[in-house]
């Protein structure tokens, strides 16, 4: 069950990343996409299978969409909106990794 939740959050993150790239050219779309991404990542509990799964899906999809297309153009523009989307990806990775739960200590040997 936990694996299905993690897979669903990866897909949700990828879908949110696609929507972010689709509307990042319009100021209202960029604001909505950033707000939806940040609020979703913040609302998920920290962990490998929850918040980090969403972040990995988002960053993987946006990263894949930044590669040049066969026509020679890019989906993510080289202006402040595009750089804000890329900066958001870096901030999401940092926040996702920084909020992981600390590993538990092993019981001391007698």
Protein backbone atom coordinates (compact mmCIF):
# COMPACT_ATOMS: atom_id res chain seq x y z
CA UNK A 1 0.00 0.00 0.00
CA UNK A 2 2.83 2.39 0.84
CA UNK A 3 4.38 1.75 -2.56
CA UNK A 4 1.11 2.67 -4.31
CA UNK A 5 0.91 5.90 -2.33
CA UNK A 6 4.49 6.78 -3.27
CA UNK A 7 3.84 5.96 -6.93
CA UNK A 8 0.67 8.06 -6.89
CA UNK A 9 2.58 10.99 -5.41
CA UNK A 10 5.29 10.68 -8.07
CA UNK A 11 2.58 10.81 -10.74
CA UNK A 12 0.91 13.76 -8.98
CA UNK A 13 4.24 15.58 -8.85
CA UNK A 14 4.85 14.89 -12.54
CA UNK A 15 1.39 16.20 -13.42
CA UNK A 16 1.95 19.32 -11.36
CA UNK A 17 5.29 19.82 -13.11
CA UNK A 18 3.64 19.53 -16.52
CA UNK A 19 1.01 22.08 -15.50
CA UNK A 20 3.70 24.41 -14.17
CA UNK A 21 5.63 24.35 -17.44
CA UNK A 22 2.40 24.79 -19.42
CA UNK A 23 1.35 27.99 -17.66
CA UNK A 24 4.66 29.52 -16.57
CA UNK A 25 4.64 32.12 -19.36
CA UNK A 26 1.60 33.91 -17.94
CA UNK A 27 2.13 35.82 -14.68
CA UNK A 28 -1.11 34.57 -13.12
CA UNK A 29 -0.35 31.03 -14.25
CA UNK A 30 3.13 31.16 -12.79
CA UNK A 31 1.82 32.44 -9.47
CA UNK A 32 -0.85 29.73 -9.38
CA UNK A 33 1.63 26.99 -10.33
CA UNK A 34 4.18 28.07 -7.72
CA UNK A 35 1.49 28.32 -5.04
CA UNK A 36 0.03 24.90 -5.90
CA UNK A 37 3.45 23.26 -5.91
CA UNK A 38 4.65 24.82 -2.66
CA UNK A 39 1.38 24.25 -0.79
CA UNK A 40 1.21 20.61 -1.89
CA UNK A 41 4.82 19.92 -0.92
CA UNK A 42 4.31 21.66 2.44
CA UNK A 43 1.05 19.82 3.16
CA UNK A 44 2.55 16.38 2.62
CA UNK A 45 4.22 14.85 5.66
CA UNK A 46 8.00 14.66 5.43
CA UNK A 47 9.32 11.30 4.36
CA UNK A 48 10.77 9.21 1.56
CA UNK A 49 7.38 7.95 0.37
CA UNK A 50 5.41 11.17 0.74
CA UNK A 51 6.98 14.60 0.30
CA UNK A 52 10.13 13.41 -1.42
CA UNK A 53 8.13 11.25 -3.85
CA UNK A 54 6.10 14.30 -4.93
CA UNK A 55 9.25 16.42 -5.24
CA UNK A 56 11.07 13.78 -7.30
CA UNK A 57 8.12 13.50 -9.69
CA UNK A 58 7.91 17.28 -10.08
CA UNK A 59 11.63 17.83 -10.59
CA UNK A 60 12.03 14.85 -12.92
CA UNK A 61 9.23 16.04 -15.19
CA UNK A 62 10.34 19.68 -15.25
CA UNK A 63 13.94 18.57 -15.79
CA UNK A 64 12.89 16.35 -18.68
CA UNK A 65 10.91 19.22 -20.20
CA UNK A 66 13.92 21.57 -20.09
CA UNK A 67 15.80 19.48 -22.65
CA UNK A 68 15.76 20.91 -26.18
CA UNK A 69 13.05 19.63 -28.48
CA UNK A 70 13.83 18.22 -31.96
CA UNK A 71 12.78 21.55 -33.48
CA UNK A 72 15.55 23.28 -31.51
CA UNK A 73 13.33 25.25 -29.14
CA UNK A 74 12.68 24.84 -25.43
CA UNK A 75 9.52 24.47 -23.35
CA UNK A 76 10.97 26.40 -20.41
CA UNK A 77 11.75 29.94 -21.49
CA UNK A 78 15.03 31.73 -20.80
CA UNK A 79 13.50 34.65 -18.96
CA UNK A 80 12.68 35.35 -15.33
CA UNK A 81 9.68 33.03 -15.41
CA UNK A 82 11.74 30.10 -16.67
CA UNK A 83 14.52 30.73 -14.18
CA UNK A 84 11.95 30.97 -11.39
CA UNK A 85 10.61 27.52 -12.35
CA UNK A 86 14.13 26.08 -12.33
CA UNK A 87 14.91 27.78 -9.00
CA UNK A 88 11.71 26.36 -7.58
CA UNK A 89 12.92 22.90 -8.56
CA UNK A 90 16.19 23.41 -6.69
CA UNK A 91 14.34 24.76 -3.65
CA UNK A 92 11.98 21.77 -3.69
CA UNK A 93 14.85 19.28 -3.76
CA UNK A 94 16.60 21.06 -0.89
CA UNK A 95 13.41 21.26 1.17
CA UNK A 96 12.48 17.66 0.42
CA UNK A 97 15.88 16.36 1.50
CA UNK A 98 16.25 18.69 4.47
CA UNK A 99 12.94 17.63 6.00
CA UNK A 100 13.54 13.89 5.84
CA UNK A 101 13.12 12.21 9.22
CA UNK A 102 16.32 11.50 11.11
CA UNK A 103 17.44 7.87 11.12
CA UNK A 104 16.72 5.97 14.29
CA UNK A 105 19.57 4.87 16.49
CA UNK A 106 20.22 1.22 16.90
CA UNK A 107 19.72 -0.26 20.34
CA UNK A 108 22.97 -0.39 22.32
CA UNK A 109 24.53 -3.78 22.74
CA UNK A 110 24.50 -5.16 26.32
